[in-house]
């Protein structure tokens, strides 16, 4: 009853969190420099949240429970009191409809794809920042390292792409996912190469 009748975004704002139009807020559960907690408003099922920084997640009751360090039952009662919701204990048997299950699966799959896209773009921006620092020329006139040059050319563009998932509208996120699949694949390949362990030579063999 509580979870089905409350928007997690409205609850977060009521308790003092600033939520941007992309559904992100600074996570209150760790030292969050940039908004990394995503609030998901859903149709036909309870809203939930997930932090890409610390891994905290759950529904609106879990959110309030963690915010105020109280038990889930206390959290539900607090929400009912603060938002004027009457709690009724009612048990009913509902046979799920096939089309609703399919829609939930499709929505969940798309959310995973968006989360993966945001994580790739955030990791790539961090990689470019490291390249700019680690491969900066030590002296004037020194040839630019390819990764330093890449950081100069790519960082602004990919920071903009990342911010589409932070501040952008749903339409902007959907358009990016539709049009920039190849860009994400390229980012994944680049990051994969950077994470591969170096192969050491043993006895002249690699």
Protein backbone atom coordinates (compact mmCIF):
# COMPACT_ATOMS: atom_id res chain seq x y z
CA UNK A 1 0.00 0.00 0.00
CA UNK A 2 2.74 2.45 0.98
CA UNK A 3 5.09 1.61 -1.89
CA UNK A 4 2.35 1.58 -4.49
CA UNK A 5 1.02 5.03 -3.55
CA UNK A 6 4.20 7.07 -3.24
CA UNK A 7 6.60 8.48 -5.80
CA UNK A 8 10.16 7.86 -4.67
CA UNK A 9 11.16 11.21 -6.20
CA UNK A 10 8.50 13.06 -4.17
CA UNK A 11 9.61 11.24 -1.01
CA UNK A 12 13.29 12.03 -1.61
CA UNK A 13 12.52 15.71 -2.15
CA UNK A 14 10.23 15.80 0.90
CA UNK A 15 13.11 14.60 3.06
CA UNK A 16 15.56 17.13 1.66
CA UNK A 17 17.28 15.45 -1.30
CA UNK A 18 17.75 17.48 -4.48
CA UNK A 19 16.67 15.37 -7.48
CA UNK A 20 17.47 16.58 -10.99
CA UNK A 21 15.22 15.97 -13.96
CA UNK A 22 17.24 12.91 -14.94
CA UNK A 23 16.24 11.27 -11.65
CA UNK A 24 19.73 11.51 -10.09
CA UNK A 25 20.60 12.84 -6.63
CA UNK A 26 23.75 12.93 -4.54
CA UNK A 27 23.79 9.74 -2.50
CA UNK A 28 23.33 10.47 1.23
CA UNK A 29 24.91 7.13 2.17
CA UNK A 30 28.49 7.91 1.12
CA UNK A 31 30.71 10.92 0.33
CA UNK A 32 29.21 11.61 -3.09
CA UNK A 33 30.98 14.32 -5.10
CA UNK A 34 28.67 14.00 -8.12
CA UNK A 35 25.07 12.72 -8.18
CA UNK A 36 25.34 8.94 -8.42
CA UNK A 37 22.03 7.74 -6.96
CA UNK A 38 19.31 7.08 -9.54
CA UNK A 39 15.64 7.16 -8.54
CA UNK A 40 13.36 5.07 -10.76
CA UNK A 41 9.69 5.99 -11.09
CA UNK A 42 7.77 3.03 -12.49
CA UNK A 43 4.29 2.32 -13.74
CA UNK A 44 2.40 -0.60 -12.23
CA UNK A 45 5.07 -1.55 -9.69
CA UNK A 46 6.87 0.10 -6.75
CA UNK A 47 9.51 2.75 -7.44
CA UNK A 48 13.08 2.01 -6.40
CA UNK A 49 16.58 3.47 -6.27
CA UNK A 50 20.17 2.43 -6.94
CA UNK A 51 23.48 4.16 -6.19
CA UNK A 52 26.23 3.61 -8.76
CA UNK A 53 28.80 4.74 -6.21
CA UNK A 54 28.19 2.61 -3.13
CA UNK A 55 25.68 0.04 -4.38
CA UNK A 56 22.86 1.05 -2.02
CA UNK A 57 19.45 0.22 -3.41
CA UNK A 58 15.88 -0.77 -2.67
CA UNK A 59 12.37 0.63 -2.62
CA UNK A 60 10.98 3.77 -1.00
CA UNK A 61 10.68 2.07 2.40
CA UNK A 62 14.34 0.99 2.24
CA UNK A 63 15.32 4.55 1.28
CA UNK A 64 13.62 6.11 4.31
CA UNK A 65 14.82 3.30 6.56
CA UNK A 66 18.43 4.07 5.58
CA UNK A 67 17.95 7.85 5.69
CA UNK A 68 16.72 7.81 9.29
CA UNK A 69 18.46 4.62 10.46
CA UNK A 70 15.16 2.98 11.43
CA UNK A 71 13.61 -0.43 10.84
CA UNK A 72 11.54 -1.00 7.67
CA UNK A 73 8.30 -1.23 9.69
CA UNK A 74 9.11 2.09 11.37
CA UNK A 75 9.93 3.51 7.94
CA UNK A 76 6.54 2.41 6.56
CA UNK A 77 4.74 3.95 9.53
CA UNK A 78 6.70 7.20 9.16
CA UNK A 79 5.79 7.42 5.48
CA UNK A 80 2.14 6.73 6.25
CA UNK A 81 2.14 9.48 8.88
CA UNK A 82 4.09 12.06 6.86
CA UNK A 83 2.07 11.54 3.67
CA UNK A 84 -1.34 10.91 5.25
CA UNK A 85 -1.77 7.32 4.05
CA UNK A 86 -4.03 4.89 5.89
CA UNK A 87 -2.57 1.40 6.16
CA UNK A 88 -5.02 -1.45 5.60
CA UNK A 89 -4.03 -5.08 5.87
CA UNK A 90 -5.59 -6.77 2.90
CA UNK A 91 -4.66 -10.03 1.23
CA UNK A 92 -5.83 -10.71 -2.27
CA UNK A 93 -4.92 -13.16 -4.96
CA UNK A 94 -4.20 -11.66 -8.34
CA UNK A 95 -3.21 -13.71 -11.33
CA UNK A 96 -0.55 -11.78 -13.25
CA UNK A 97 -1.35 -10.97 -16.86
CA UNK A 98 1.13 -12.16 -19.47
CA UNK A 99 1.29 -8.78 -21.17
CA UNK A 100 2.05 -6.98 -17.89
CA UNK A 101 4.87 -9.41 -17.12
CA UNK A 102 6.32 -8.90 -20.60
CA UNK A 103 6.12 -5.11 -20.20
CA UNK A 104 7.92 -5.30 -16.84
CA UNK A 105 10.67 -7.46 -18.34
CA UNK A 106 11.11 -5.06 -21.25
CA UNK A 107 11.21 -2.05 -18.91
CA UNK A 108 13.69 -3.76 -16.58
CA UNK A 109 15.89 -4.76 -19.54
CA UNK A 110 15.91 -1.20 -20.84
CA UNK A 111 16.79 0.18 -17.39
CA UNK A 112 19.74 -2.20 -17.26
CA UNK A 113 20.87 -0.95 -20.67
CA UNK A 114 20.64 2.68 -19.53
CA UNK A 115 22.55 1.89 -16.34
CA UNK A 116 25.25 0.12 -18.35
CA UNK A 117 25.51 3.07 -20.77
CA UNK A 118 25.89 5.56 -17.93
CA UNK A 119 28.51 3.41 -16.19
CA UNK A 120 30.53 3.05 -19.42
CA UNK A 121 30.45 6.80 -20.08
CA UNK A 122 31.37 7.65 -16.48
CA UNK A 123 34.26 5.17 -16.52
CA UNK A 124 35.48 6.51 -19.86
CA UNK A 125 35.44 10.11 -18.58
CA UNK A 126 37.47 9.00 -15.56
CA UNK A 127 39.89 7.22 -17.90
CA UNK A 128 40.32 10.36 -20.01
CA UNK A 129 41.00 12.45 -16.90
CA UNK A 130 43.71 10.00 -15.84
CA UNK A 131 45.22 10.13 -19.33
CA UNK A 132 45.35 13.91 -19.21
CA UNK A 133 47.20 13.76 -15.91
CA UNK A 134 49.45 10.73 -16.51
CA UNK A 135 50.52 11.52 -20.08
CA UNK A 136 50.81 15.30 -19.94
CA UNK A 137 54.02 16.51 -21.65
CA UNK A 138 56.81 17.15 -19.18
CA UNK A 139 58.24 20.06 -21.19
CA UNK A 140 57.23 22.53 -23.88
CA UNK A 141 57.71 21.15 -27.37
CA UNK A 142 57.58 17.53 -26.26
CA UNK A 143 55.48 15.40 -28.66
CA UNK A 144 52.00 14.70 -27.32
CA UNK A 145 51.28 11.17 -26.18
CA UNK A 146 48.33 9.73 -28.19
CA UNK A 147 46.31 9.15 -25.01
CA UNK A 148 46.92 12.72 -23.83
CA UNK A 149 45.78 14.01 -27.23
CA UNK A 150 42.73 11.75 -27.04
CA UNK A 151 41.83 13.13 -23.63
CA UNK A 152 41.90 16.66 -25.04
CA UNK A 153 39.70 15.80 -28.01
CA UNK A 154 37.21 13.44 -26.34
CA UNK A 155 36.64 14.57 -22.76
CA UNK A 156 34.20 17.43 -23.36
CA UNK A 157 32.12 15.39 -25.79
CA UNK A 158 31.85 12.33 -23.55
CA UNK A 159 31.17 14.42 -20.45
CA UNK A 160 28.21 15.82 -22.39
CA UNK A 161 27.06 12.29 -23.29
CA UNK A 162 27.33 11.23 -19.64
CA UNK A 163 25.30 14.22 -18.50
CA UNK A 164 22.44 13.21 -20.78
CA UNK A 165 21.84 10.37 -18.30
CA UNK A 166 22.16 12.73 -15.33
CA UNK A 167 20.24 15.84 -16.42
CA UNK A 168 18.60 14.83 -19.70
CA UNK A 169 14.95 14.03 -20.30
CA UNK A 170 13.74 10.50 -20.93
CA UNK A 171 13.39 11.36 -24.62
CA UNK A 172 17.01 12.49 -24.80
CA UNK A 173 18.19 9.28 -23.11
CA UNK A 174 16.13 7.10 -25.43
CA UNK A 175 17.46 8.98 -28.48
CA UNK A 176 21.04 8.52 -27.30
CA UNK A 177 20.53 4.79 -26.74
CA UNK A 178 19.06 4.46 -30.22
CA UNK A 179 21.65 6.53 -32.10
CA UNK A 180 24.93 5.98 -30.23
CA UNK A 181 25.13 2.22 -29.76
CA UNK A 182 28.32 2.17 -31.84
CA UNK A 183 29.91 4.85 -29.64
CA UNK A 184 29.20 2.79 -26.51
CA UNK A 185 30.65 -0.32 -28.16
CA UNK A 186 33.83 1.62 -28.95
CA UNK A 187 34.09 2.88 -25.37
CA UNK A 188 33.69 -0.66 -24.06
CA UNK A 189 36.48 -1.90 -26.34
CA UNK A 190 38.81 0.91 -25.24
CA UNK A 191 38.17 0.31 -21.55
CA UNK A 192 38.55 -3.43 -22.03
CA UNK A 193 42.01 -2.95 -23.54
CA UNK A 194 43.07 -0.79 -20.61
CA UNK A 195 41.98 -3.40 -18.08
CA UNK A 196 43.73 -6.36 -19.70
CA UNK A 197 46.70 -7.54 -17.61
CA UNK A 198 50.11 -7.29 -19.21
CA UNK A 199 51.55 -10.59 -20.47
CA UNK A 200 54.98 -11.24 -19.00
CA UNK A 201 57.70 -12.99 -20.95
CA UNK A 202 58.96 -16.23 -19.43
CA UNK A 203 62.00 -17.90 -20.93
CA UNK A 204 61.71 -15.85 -24.08
CA UNK A 205 58.07 -16.92 -24.62
CA UNK A 206 54.96 -14.78 -24.14
